[in-house]
Amino acid sequence: MTQTPTLSLNDGRNIPQLGFGTYQIDNDDAAEAVSTALDVGYKLVDTAAIYGNEEGVGEGLGSHRDIWLTTKIWNESQGYERAKAAFAKCLARLDRPVVDLVLIHWPCAENDKYVETWKAMIEMREAGTARSIGVSNFQPDHLKRLADETGEVPALNQIELHPSFQQRAMRKVHQDMGIVTQSWSPLGQGNGMDNDTIKAIADETGKSASAVIIRWHIQHGFSVLPRSTNPDHIRDNYSALSFELSEEQMAKIDALDSEDGRMGPEPGKFND
């Protein structure tokens, strides 16, 4: 069994570096997908209230209590009391008394509720229902405001990150603040696997394009969350732990960065 590496969080805990993402996996399919991922060896499963699959994820986890479980508070649930109520519903759907990590899904800066949401999450952690707390899609000013107003720095920020959108400035902020970078859409919604550079490195290593990209994330020190419902793809993505890219190969992928590579919403403008 390949050993999953971990990353150190600023709260003293260690998070598995490679996880299984469940975005766009239907609730009816989530249990089987999660169960397959656990059988392959994944030690982290990521879901969210808005994904609508927490029940299926909880079913797939079954009696496992050694798997890192992350969920997220959706935008309409921000606010001190609303966040607490929404999180209680997350736990009920997951059929868990506690999760390893809960995130604010988007800052929704125009609504200006992310600080009070963060204060509620600090209390969740203190109450023991969330072992670690973090954010997703936050920008530097959002992170610094949380730290300035509460004295608590998020353990992790989950952001869009893939070879064509590498978020170097954001990663530097994370490094300076002691925040782990976690990559969502790590394969660029599949587009990265069609890149000629990636294909060439896949040929050189004898690995798949997806495994090459995931390996690039791992060697850069990111936590990474590929997703699939295909058992072969789930196993193939996990194989990223079984090899290494050379410095030259890493540099070639680094060179694929593009200023206009973002595929998802712009975090500062997303308030739905």
C-alpha atoms as a PDB file:
ATOM      1  CA  MET A   1       0.000   0.000   0.000  1.00  0.00           C
ATOM      2  CA  THR A   2       1.372   3.392  -0.981  1.00  0.00           C
ATOM      3  CA  GLN A   3       1.741   5.676   2.025  1.00  0.00           C
ATOM      4  CA  THR A   4      -0.173   8.948   1.711  1.00  0.00           C
ATOM      5  CA  PRO A   5       2.060  11.905   2.619  1.00  0.00           C
ATOM      6  CA  THR A   6       0.707  14.559   4.972  1.00  0.00           C
ATOM      7  CA  LEU A   7       1.048  18.313   5.352  1.00  0.00           C
ATOM      8  CA  SER A   8       1.332  20.158   8.662  1.00  0.00           C
ATOM      9  CA  LEU A   9      -1.448  22.611   9.484  1.00  0.00           C
ATOM     10  CA  ASN A  10      -0.945  25.693  11.650  1.00  0.00           C
ATOM     11  CA  ASP A  11      -3.163  24.168  14.356  1.00  0.00           C
ATOM     12  CA  GLY A  12      -0.740  21.277  14.914  1.00  0.00           C
ATOM     13  CA  ARG A  13      -2.686  18.677  12.945  1.00  0.00           C
ATOM     14  CA  ASN A  14      -1.584  16.849   9.782  1.00  0.00           C
ATOM     15  CA  ILE A  15      -3.784  16.588   6.694  1.00  0.00           C
ATOM     16  CA  PRO A  16      -3.417  13.887   4.020  1.00  0.00           C
ATOM     17  CA  GLN A  17      -1.913  15.511   0.941  1.00  0.00           C
ATOM     18  CA  LEU A  18      -3.963  13.582  -1.622  1.00  0.00           C
ATOM     19  CA  GLY A  19      -7.727  13.518  -1.201  1.00  0.00           C
ATOM     20  CA  PHE A  20     -10.848  12.394  -3.015  1.00  0.00           C
ATOM     21  CA  GLY A  21     -13.092  15.210  -4.261  1.00  0.00           C
ATOM     22  CA  THR A  22     -16.852  14.706  -4.662  1.00  0.00           C
ATOM     23  CA  TYR A  23     -17.940  17.849  -6.542  1.00  0.00           C
ATOM     24  CA  GLN A  24     -20.599  17.015  -9.156  1.00  0.00           C
ATOM     25  CA  ILE A  25     -20.997  13.463  -7.879  1.00  0.00           C
ATOM     26  CA  ASP A  26     -24.713  12.750  -7.381  1.00  0.00           C
ATOM     27  CA  ASN A  27     -25.864  11.708  -3.943  1.00  0.00           C
ATOM     28  CA  ASP A  28     -26.993   8.346  -5.354  1.00  0.00           C
ATOM     29  CA  ASP A  29     -23.496   7.686  -6.710  1.00  0.00           C
ATOM     30  CA  ALA A  30     -21.479   9.152  -3.834  1.00  0.00           C
ATOM     31  CA  ALA A  31     -21.514   6.143  -1.517  1.00  0.00           C
ATOM     32  CA  GLU A  32     -20.081   3.786  -4.126  1.00  0.00           C
ATOM     33  CA  ALA A  33     -17.496   6.338  -5.305  1.00  0.00           C
ATOM     34  CA  VAL A  34     -16.318   7.051  -1.758  1.00  0.00           C
ATOM     35  CA  SER A  35     -16.211   3.357  -0.876  1.00  0.00           C
ATOM     36  CA  THR A  36     -14.107   2.692  -3.975  1.00  0.00           C
ATOM     37  CA  ALA A  37     -11.743   5.540  -3.070  1.00  0.00           C
ATOM     38  CA  LEU A  38     -11.282   4.148   0.445  1.00  0.00           C
ATOM     39  CA  ASP A  39     -10.560   0.697  -0.954  1.00  0.00           C
ATOM     40  CA  VAL A  40      -7.900   2.213  -3.232  1.00  0.00           C
ATOM     41  CA  GLY A  41      -6.256   3.925  -0.268  1.00  0.00           C
ATOM     42  CA  TYR A  42      -7.478   7.524  -0.101  1.00  0.00           C
ATOM     43  CA  LYS A  43      -7.408   8.939   3.416  1.00  0.00           C
ATOM     44  CA  LEU A  44      -9.246  12.226   2.765  1.00  0.00           C
ATOM     45  CA  VAL A  45     -12.755  12.824   1.398  1.00  0.00           C
ATOM     46  CA  ASP A  46     -13.971  16.329   0.538  1.00  0.00           C
ATOM     47  CA  THR A  47     -17.626  17.323   0.225  1.00  0.00           C
ATOM     48  CA  ALA A  48     -19.789  20.426   0.768  1.00  0.00           C
ATOM     49  CA  ALA A  49     -23.346  21.342   1.637  1.00  0.00           C
ATOM     50  CA  ILE A  50     -23.968  22.707  -1.863  1.00  0.00           C
ATOM     51  CA  TYR A  51     -22.839  19.455  -3.492  1.00  0.00           C
ATOM     52  CA  GLY A  52     -26.025  17.793  -2.257  1.00  0.00           C
ATOM     53  CA  ASN A  53     -24.207  14.516  -1.601  1.00  0.00           C
ATOM     54  CA  GLU A  54     -23.323  14.593   2.096  1.00  0.00           C
ATOM     55  CA  GLU A  55     -25.709  11.717   2.862  1.00  0.00           C
ATOM     56  CA  GLY A  56     -24.086   9.557   0.201  1.00  0.00           C
ATOM     57  CA  VAL A  57     -20.604  10.507   1.351  1.00  0.00           C
ATOM     58  CA  GLY A  58     -21.467   9.597   4.928  1.00  0.00           C
ATOM     59  CA  GLU A  59     -22.878   6.268   3.758  1.00  0.00           C
ATOM     60  CA  GLY A  60     -19.719   5.571   1.747  1.00  0.00           C
ATOM     61  CA  LEU A  61     -17.545   6.297   4.767  1.00  0.00           C
ATOM     62  CA  GLY A  62     -19.547   3.819   6.816  1.00  0.00           C
ATOM     63  CA  SER A  63     -17.856   2.937  10.078  1.00  0.00           C
ATOM     64  CA  HIS A  64     -14.503   4.425   9.049  1.00  0.00           C
ATOM     65  CA  ARG A  65     -13.338   6.984  11.587  1.00  0.00           C
ATOM     66  CA  ASP A  66      -9.728   7.228  10.385  1.00  0.00           C
ATOM     67  CA  ILE A  67     -10.602   9.088   7.139  1.00  0.00           C
ATOM     68  CA  TRP A  68     -10.147  12.863   7.031  1.00  0.00           C
ATOM     69  CA  LEU A  69     -13.552  14.388   6.244  1.00  0.00           C
ATOM     70  CA  THR A  70     -14.016  17.948   4.998  1.00  0.00           C
ATOM     71  CA  THR A  71     -17.260  19.815   4.364  1.00  0.00           C
ATOM     72  CA  LYS A  72     -18.153  23.441   3.657  1.00  0.00           C
ATOM     73  CA  ILE A  73     -20.639  26.122   4.706  1.00  0.00           C
ATOM     74  CA  TRP A  74     -22.496  27.461   1.670  1.00  0.00           C
ATOM     75  CA  ASN A  75     -22.929  31.162   0.915  1.00  0.00           C
ATOM     76  CA  GLU A  76     -26.561  31.572   1.939  1.00  0.00           C
ATOM     77  CA  SER A  77     -25.717  30.042   5.330  1.00  0.00           C
ATOM     78  CA  GLN A  78     -23.135  32.660   6.265  1.00  0.00           C
ATOM     79  CA  GLY A  79     -23.609  34.637   9.459  1.00  0.00           C
ATOM     80  CA  TYR A  80     -22.986  33.677  13.077  1.00  0.00           C
ATOM     81  CA  GLU A  81     -26.226  31.856  13.902  1.00  0.00           C
ATOM     82  CA  ARG A  82     -26.978  30.664  10.369  1.00  0.00           C
ATOM     83  CA  ALA A  83     -23.539  29.086  10.038  1.00  0.00           C
ATOM     84  CA  LYS A  84     -23.953  27.182  13.278  1.00  0.00           C
ATOM     85  CA  ALA A  85     -27.368  25.899  12.223  1.00  0.00           C
ATOM     86  CA  ALA A  86     -26.119  24.973   8.750  1.00  0.00           C
ATOM     87  CA  PHE A  87     -23.144  23.105  10.155  1.00  0.00           C
ATOM     88  CA  ALA A  88     -25.396  21.095  12.469  1.00  0.00           C
ATOM     89  CA  LYS A  89     -27.338  20.029   9.370  1.00  0.00           C
ATOM     90  CA  CYS A  90     -24.079  19.052   7.642  1.00  0.00           C
ATOM     91  CA  LEU A  91     -23.198  16.774  10.547  1.00  0.00           C
ATOM     92  CA  ALA A  92     -26.672  15.240  10.490  1.00  0.00           C
ATOM     93  CA  ARG A  93     -26.501  14.533   6.754  1.00  0.00           C
ATOM     94  CA  LEU A  94     -23.016  13.051   7.114  1.00  0.00           C
ATOM     95  CA  ASP A  95     -24.170  11.054  10.140  1.00  0.00           C
ATOM     96  CA  ARG A  96     -21.062  12.186  12.009  1.00  0.00           C
ATOM     97  CA  PRO A  97     -20.664  13.920  15.390  1.00  0.00           C
ATOM     98  CA  VAL A  98     -17.503  15.658  14.157  1.00  0.00           C
ATOM     99  CA  VAL A  99     -15.633  16.462  10.925  1.00  0.00           C
ATOM    100  CA  ASP A 100     -11.922  17.004  10.518  1.00  0.00           C
ATOM    101  CA  LEU A 101     -12.267  20.275   8.631  1.00  0.00           C
ATOM    102  CA  VAL A 102     -15.024  22.757   7.841  1.00  0.00           C
ATOM    103  CA  LEU A 103     -14.506  25.577   5.339  1.00  0.00           C
ATOM    104  CA  ILE A 104     -16.296  28.793   4.425  1.00  0.00           C
ATOM    105  CA  HIS A 105     -17.013  27.950   0.780  1.00  0.00           C
ATOM    106  CA  TRP A 106     -16.707  31.477  -0.683  1.00  0.00           C
ATOM    107  CA  PRO A 107     -15.977  34.841   0.946  1.00  0.00           C
ATOM    108  CA  CYS A 108     -19.046  36.569  -0.591  1.00  0.00           C
ATOM    109  CA  ALA A 109     -17.428  39.857   0.337  1.00  0.00           C
ATOM    110  CA  GLU A 110     -20.378  42.022  -0.735  1.00  0.00           C
ATOM    111  CA  ASN A 111     -22.546  40.313   1.877  1.00  0.00           C
ATOM    112  CA  ASP A 112     -19.871  41.011   4.523  1.00  0.00           C
ATOM    113  CA  LYS A 113     -20.699  38.030   6.704  1.00  0.00           C
ATOM    114  CA  TYR A 114     -17.542  35.983   6.445  1.00  0.00           C
ATOM    115  CA  VAL A 115     -15.975  37.378   9.633  1.00  0.00           C
ATOM    116  CA  GLU A 116     -18.967  36.535  11.806  1.00  0.00           C
ATOM    117  CA  THR A 117     -19.135  33.143  10.073  1.00  0.00           C
ATOM    118  CA  TRP A 118     -15.486  32.638  10.976  1.00  0.00           C
ATOM    119  CA  LYS A 119     -16.203  33.520  14.606  1.00  0.00           C
ATOM    120  CA  ALA A 120     -18.899  30.845  14.662  1.00  0.00           C
ATOM    121  CA  MET A 121     -16.460  28.347  13.205  1.00  0.00           C
ATOM    122  CA  ILE A 122     -13.888  29.133  15.882  1.00  0.00           C
ATOM    123  CA  GLU A 123     -16.558  28.173  18.413  1.00  0.00           C
ATOM    124  CA  MET A 124     -17.305  24.970  16.463  1.00  0.00           C
ATOM    125  CA  ARG A 125     -13.663  24.029  16.774  1.00  0.00           C
ATOM    126  CA  GLU A 126     -13.618  24.870  20.475  1.00  0.00           C
ATOM    127  CA  ALA A 127     -16.750  22.737  20.948  1.00  0.00           C
ATOM    128  CA  GLY A 128     -15.018  19.806  19.251  1.00  0.00           C
ATOM    129  CA  THR A 129     -17.452  19.345  16.353  1.00  0.00           C
ATOM    130  CA  ALA A 130     -14.864  20.578  13.827  1.00  0.00           C
ATOM    131  CA  ARG A 131     -11.283  19.623  14.528  1.00  0.00           C
ATOM    132  CA  SER A 132      -9.819  22.203  12.113  1.00  0.00           C
ATOM    133  CA  ILE A 133     -11.273  25.243  10.357  1.00  0.00           C
ATOM    134  CA  GLY A 134     -10.369  26.921   7.105  1.00  0.00           C
ATOM    135  CA  VAL A 135     -11.665  28.685   4.042  1.00  0.00           C
ATOM    136  CA  SER A 136     -12.087  28.253   0.313  1.00  0.00           C
ATOM    137  CA  ASN A 137     -11.634  30.784  -2.492  1.00  0.00           C
ATOM    138  CA  PHE A 138     -10.463  33.521  -0.118  1.00  0.00           C
ATOM    139  CA  GLN A 139      -8.193  36.278  -1.401  1.00  0.00           C
ATOM    140  CA  PRO A 140      -5.351  37.984   0.504  1.00  0.00           C
ATOM    141  CA  ASP A 141      -7.474  40.809   1.911  1.00  0.00           C
ATOM    142  CA  HIS A 142     -10.088  38.333   3.159  1.00  0.00           C
ATOM    143  CA  LEU A 143      -7.458  36.193   4.885  1.00  0.00           C
ATOM    144  CA  LYS A 144      -5.775  39.168   6.508  1.00  0.00           C
ATOM    145  CA  ARG A 145      -9.083  40.547   7.747  1.00  0.00           C
ATOM    146  CA  LEU A 146      -9.923  37.247   9.449  1.00  0.00           C
ATOM    147  CA  ALA A 147      -6.524  37.226  11.145  1.00  0.00           C
ATOM    148  CA  ASP A 148      -6.715  40.894  12.148  1.00  0.00           C
ATOM    149  CA  GLU A 149     -10.251  40.760  13.546  1.00  0.00           C
ATOM    150  CA  THR A 150     -10.164  37.380  15.285  1.00  0.00           C
ATOM    151  CA  GLY A 151      -6.504  36.540  15.798  1.00  0.00           C
ATOM    152  CA  GLU A 152      -7.173  33.181  14.119  1.00  0.00           C
ATOM    153  CA  VAL A 153      -5.533  32.318  10.783  1.00  0.00           C
ATOM    154  CA  PRO A 154      -7.286  29.694   8.638  1.00  0.00           C
ATOM    155  CA  ALA A 155      -5.507  26.345   8.597  1.00  0.00           C
ATOM    156  CA  LEU A 156      -6.100  25.936   4.867  1.00  0.00           C
ATOM    157  CA  ASN A 157      -7.403  27.784   1.814  1.00  0.00           C
ATOM    158  CA  GLN A 158      -8.881  25.644  -0.962  1.00  0.00           C
ATOM    159  CA  ILE A 159      -8.473  27.463  -4.297  1.00  0.00           C
ATOM    160  CA  GLU A 160      -8.670  26.798  -8.017  1.00  0.00           C
ATOM    161  CA  LEU A 161      -5.194  25.680  -8.988  1.00  0.00           C
ATOM    162  CA  HIS A 162      -3.964  23.711 -12.003  1.00  0.00           C
ATOM    163  CA  PRO A 163      -1.058  23.920 -14.481  1.00  0.00           C
ATOM    164  CA  SER A 164      -2.699  26.646 -16.566  1.00  0.00           C
ATOM    165  CA  PHE A 165      -3.635  28.706 -13.470  1.00  0.00           C
ATOM    166  CA  GLN A 166      -0.955  28.338 -10.823  1.00  0.00           C
ATOM    167  CA  GLN A 167      -1.853  31.118  -8.361  1.00  0.00           C
ATOM    168  CA  ARG A 168       1.745  31.966  -7.478  1.00  0.00           C
ATOM    169  CA  ALA A 169       0.921  35.234  -5.699  1.00  0.00           C
ATOM    170  CA  MET A 170      -1.794  33.523  -3.658  1.00  0.00           C
ATOM    171  CA  ARG A 171       0.567  30.686  -2.768  1.00  0.00           C
ATOM    172  CA  LYS A 172       3.120  33.218  -1.501  1.00  0.00           C
ATOM    173  CA  VAL A 173       0.484  34.766   0.776  1.00  0.00           C
ATOM    174  CA  HIS A 174      -0.335  31.306   2.102  1.00  0.00           C
ATOM    175  CA  GLN A 175       3.323  30.596   2.739  1.00  0.00           C
ATOM    176  CA  ASP A 176       3.790  33.880   4.587  1.00  0.00           C
ATOM    177  CA  MET A 177       0.689  33.320   6.739  1.00  0.00           C
ATOM    178  CA  GLY A 178       1.268  29.605   7.420  1.00  0.00           C
ATOM    179  CA  ILE A 179      -1.774  28.451   5.451  1.00  0.00           C
ATOM    180  CA  VAL A 180      -1.854  25.174   3.506  1.00  0.00           C
ATOM    181  CA  THR A 181      -2.764  25.505  -0.181  1.00  0.00           C
ATOM    182  CA  GLN A 182      -5.343  22.981  -1.346  1.00  0.00           C
ATOM    183  CA  SER A 183      -6.124  22.656  -5.065  1.00  0.00           C
ATOM    184  CA  TRP A 184      -9.613  22.303  -6.450  1.00  0.00           C
ATOM    185  CA  SER A 185     -10.101  21.496 -10.141  1.00  0.00           C
ATOM    186  CA  PRO A 186      -6.488  20.249 -10.080  1.00  0.00           C
ATOM    187  CA  LEU A 187      -6.709  18.812 -13.604  1.00  0.00           C
ATOM    188  CA  GLY A 188      -8.121  22.037 -15.057  1.00  0.00           C
ATOM    189  CA  GLN A 189     -11.520  20.375 -15.545  1.00  0.00           C
ATOM    190  CA  GLY A 190      -9.757  17.758 -17.639  1.00  0.00           C
ATOM    191  CA  ASN A 191      -8.254  20.253 -20.087  1.00  0.00           C
ATOM    192  CA  GLY A 192      -4.754  19.820 -18.689  1.00  0.00           C
ATOM    193  CA  MET A 193      -4.649  16.214 -19.809  1.00  0.00           C
ATOM    194  CA  ASP A 194      -4.865  17.296 -23.455  1.00  0.00           C
ATOM    195  CA  ASN A 195      -1.792  19.517 -23.199  1.00  0.00           C
ATOM    196  CA  ASP A 196       1.119  18.387 -25.385  1.00  0.00           C
ATOM    197  CA  THR A 197       3.688  19.034 -22.636  1.00  0.00           C
ATOM    198  CA  ILE A 198       1.706  16.942 -20.155  1.00  0.00           C
ATOM    199  CA  LYS A 199       1.243  14.179 -22.727  1.00  0.00           C
ATOM    200  CA  ALA A 200       4.983  14.095 -23.432  1.00  0.00           C
ATOM    201  CA  ILE A 201       5.816  13.808 -19.716  1.00  0.00           C
ATOM    202  CA  ALA A 202       3.202  11.071 -19.379  1.00  0.00           C
ATOM    203  CA  ASP A 203       4.981   9.166 -22.152  1.00  0.00           C
ATOM    204  CA  GLU A 204       8.348   9.709 -20.465  1.00  0.00           C
ATOM    205  CA  THR A 205       7.153   8.440 -17.091  1.00  0.00           C
ATOM    206  CA  GLY A 206       4.846   5.715 -18.334  1.00  0.00           C
ATOM    207  CA  LYS A 207       2.064   7.264 -16.256  1.00  0.00           C
ATOM    208  CA  SER A 208      -1.248   8.840 -17.230  1.00  0.00           C
ATOM    209  CA  ALA A 209      -1.602  12.565 -17.879  1.00  0.00           C
ATOM    210  CA  SER A 210      -3.850  12.920 -14.837  1.00  0.00           C
ATOM    211  CA  ALA A 211      -1.297  11.186 -12.588  1.00  0.00           C
ATOM    212  CA  VAL A 212       1.435  13.486 -13.907  1.00  0.00           C
ATOM    213  CA  ILE A 213      -0.597  16.593 -13.071  1.00  0.00           C
ATOM    214  CA  ILE A 214      -1.514  15.334  -9.612  1.00  0.00           C
ATOM    215  CA  ARG A 215       2.140  14.492  -9.006  1.00  0.00           C
ATOM    216  CA  TRP A 216       3.054  18.080  -9.946  1.00  0.00           C
ATOM    217  CA  HIS A 217       0.672  19.346  -7.236  1.00  0.00           C
ATOM    218  CA  ILE A 218       2.122  16.956  -4.682  1.00  0.00           C
ATOM    219  CA  GLN A 219       5.743  17.886  -5.379  1.00  0.00           C
ATOM    220  CA  HIS A 220       4.864  21.556  -5.006  1.00  0.00           C
ATOM    221  CA  GLY A 221       3.506  20.829  -1.534  1.00  0.00           C
ATOM    222  CA  PHE A 222      -0.184  21.393  -2.265  1.00  0.00           C
ATOM    223  CA  SER A 223      -3.013  19.266  -0.965  1.00  0.00           C
ATOM    224  CA  VAL A 224      -4.873  18.055  -4.045  1.00  0.00           C
ATOM    225  CA  LEU A 225      -8.444  16.814  -4.612  1.00  0.00           C
ATOM    226  CA  PRO A 226      -9.041  14.962  -7.888  1.00  0.00           C
ATOM    227  CA  ARG A 227     -12.487  13.452  -8.358  1.00  0.00           C
ATOM    228  CA  SER A 228     -13.978  10.684 -10.462  1.00  0.00           C
ATOM    229  CA  THR A 229     -16.719   8.078 -10.307  1.00  0.00           C
ATOM    230  CA  ASN A 230     -14.779   5.732 -12.595  1.00  0.00           C
ATOM    231  CA  PRO A 231     -12.951   3.104 -10.504  1.00  0.00           C
ATOM    232  CA  ASP A 232     -10.071   2.926 -12.989  1.00  0.00           C
ATOM    233  CA  HIS A 233      -9.615   6.705 -12.895  1.00  0.00           C
ATOM    234  CA  ILE A 234      -9.840   6.725  -9.093  1.00  0.00           C
ATOM    235  CA  ARG A 235      -7.008   4.180  -8.941  1.00  0.00           C
ATOM    236  CA  ASP A 236      -5.042   5.956 -11.639  1.00  0.00           C
ATOM    237  CA  ASN A 237      -5.200   9.299  -9.809  1.00  0.00           C
ATOM    238  CA  TYR A 238      -3.967   7.603  -6.640  1.00  0.00           C
ATOM    239  CA  SER A 239      -0.980   6.236  -8.566  1.00  0.00           C
ATOM    240  CA  ALA A 240       0.470   9.769  -8.434  1.00  0.00           C
ATOM    241  CA  LEU A 241       1.943   8.702  -5.097  1.00  0.00           C
ATOM    242  CA  SER A 242       4.028   5.987  -6.738  1.00  0.00           C
ATOM    243  CA  PHE A 243       6.549   8.013  -8.783  1.00  0.00           C
ATOM    244  CA  GLU A 244       8.389  11.334  -8.975  1.00  0.00           C
ATOM    245  CA  LEU A 245       8.816  13.979 -11.648  1.00  0.00           C
ATOM    246  CA  SER A 246      12.289  15.297 -12.419  1.00  0.00           C
ATOM    247  CA  GLU A 247      13.202  18.946 -11.885  1.00  0.00           C
ATOM    248  CA  GLU A 248      13.121  19.410 -15.647  1.00  0.00           C
ATOM    249  CA  GLN A 249       9.655  17.913 -15.928  1.00  0.00           C
ATOM    250  CA  MET A 250       8.403  20.084 -13.059  1.00  0.00           C
ATOM    251  CA  ALA A 251       9.843  23.177 -14.755  1.00  0.00           C
ATOM    252  CA  LYS A 252       8.084  22.337 -18.014  1.00  0.00           C
ATOM    253  CA  ILE A 253       4.736  22.140 -16.229  1.00  0.00           C
ATOM    254  CA  ASP A 254       5.521  25.338 -14.313  1.00  0.00           C
ATOM    255  CA  ALA A 255       5.920  27.050 -17.679  1.00  0.00           C
ATOM    256  CA  LEU A 256       2.284  26.319 -18.586  1.00  0.00           C
ATOM    257  CA  ASP A 257       0.954  29.020 -16.244  1.00  0.00           C
ATOM    258  CA  SER A 258      -1.393  31.549 -17.858  1.00  0.00           C
ATOM    259  CA  GLU A 259      -2.771  34.837 -16.529  1.00  0.00           C
ATOM    260  CA  ASP A 260      -6.171  34.089 -18.050  1.00  0.00           C
ATOM    261  CA  GLY A 261      -6.240  30.431 -17.030  1.00  0.00           C
ATOM    262  CA  ARG A 262      -8.983  30.734 -14.420  1.00  0.00           C
ATOM    263  CA  MET A 263     -11.970  28.513 -15.205  1.00  0.00           C
ATOM    264  CA  GLY A 264     -14.178  29.059 -12.168  1.00  0.00           C
ATOM    265  CA  PRO A 265     -15.739  32.246 -10.733  1.00  0.00           C
ATOM    266  CA  GLU A 266     -13.566  35.179  -9.703  1.00  0.00           C
ATOM    267  CA  PRO A 267     -13.668  34.968  -5.881  1.00  0.00           C
ATOM    268  CA  GLY A 268     -13.918  38.710  -5.278  1.00  0.00           C
ATOM    269  CA  LYS A 269     -17.013  38.973  -7.464  1.00  0.00           C
ATOM    270  CA  PHE A 270     -18.884  35.766  -6.620  1.00  0.00           C
ATOM    271  CA  ASN A 271     -21.738  36.476  -4.193  1.00  0.00           C
ATOM    272  CA  ASP A 272     -24.527  34.109  -5.256  1.00  0.00           C
END
